[in-house]
Amino acid sequence: DTAAEDDLVIETGAAPVFIDSVSLDLLAGSELDWNEALIGAHFAVRNPQAVSGCGCGVSFAVA
């Protein structure tokens, strides 16, 4: 993929991370990690601003 004009692009590992300008404040302070388990591999986001999240870890709510 390619970044949109207003995307923040972080290139510190094997794959670049694109964050759109709307999501940037919601993800401030977050950590992105790669997990490999028996059920499969996936990215995990730890967001200190999240006050609740769904069981699968895909969505969250901030205060």
Foldseek 3Di string as FASTA:
>chain_A
DDADPQWDWDDDDDDIDTDHPVCPVVQPPKDWDWDQDPVGIDIAIDGPQFPDDDPVRPDTDGD
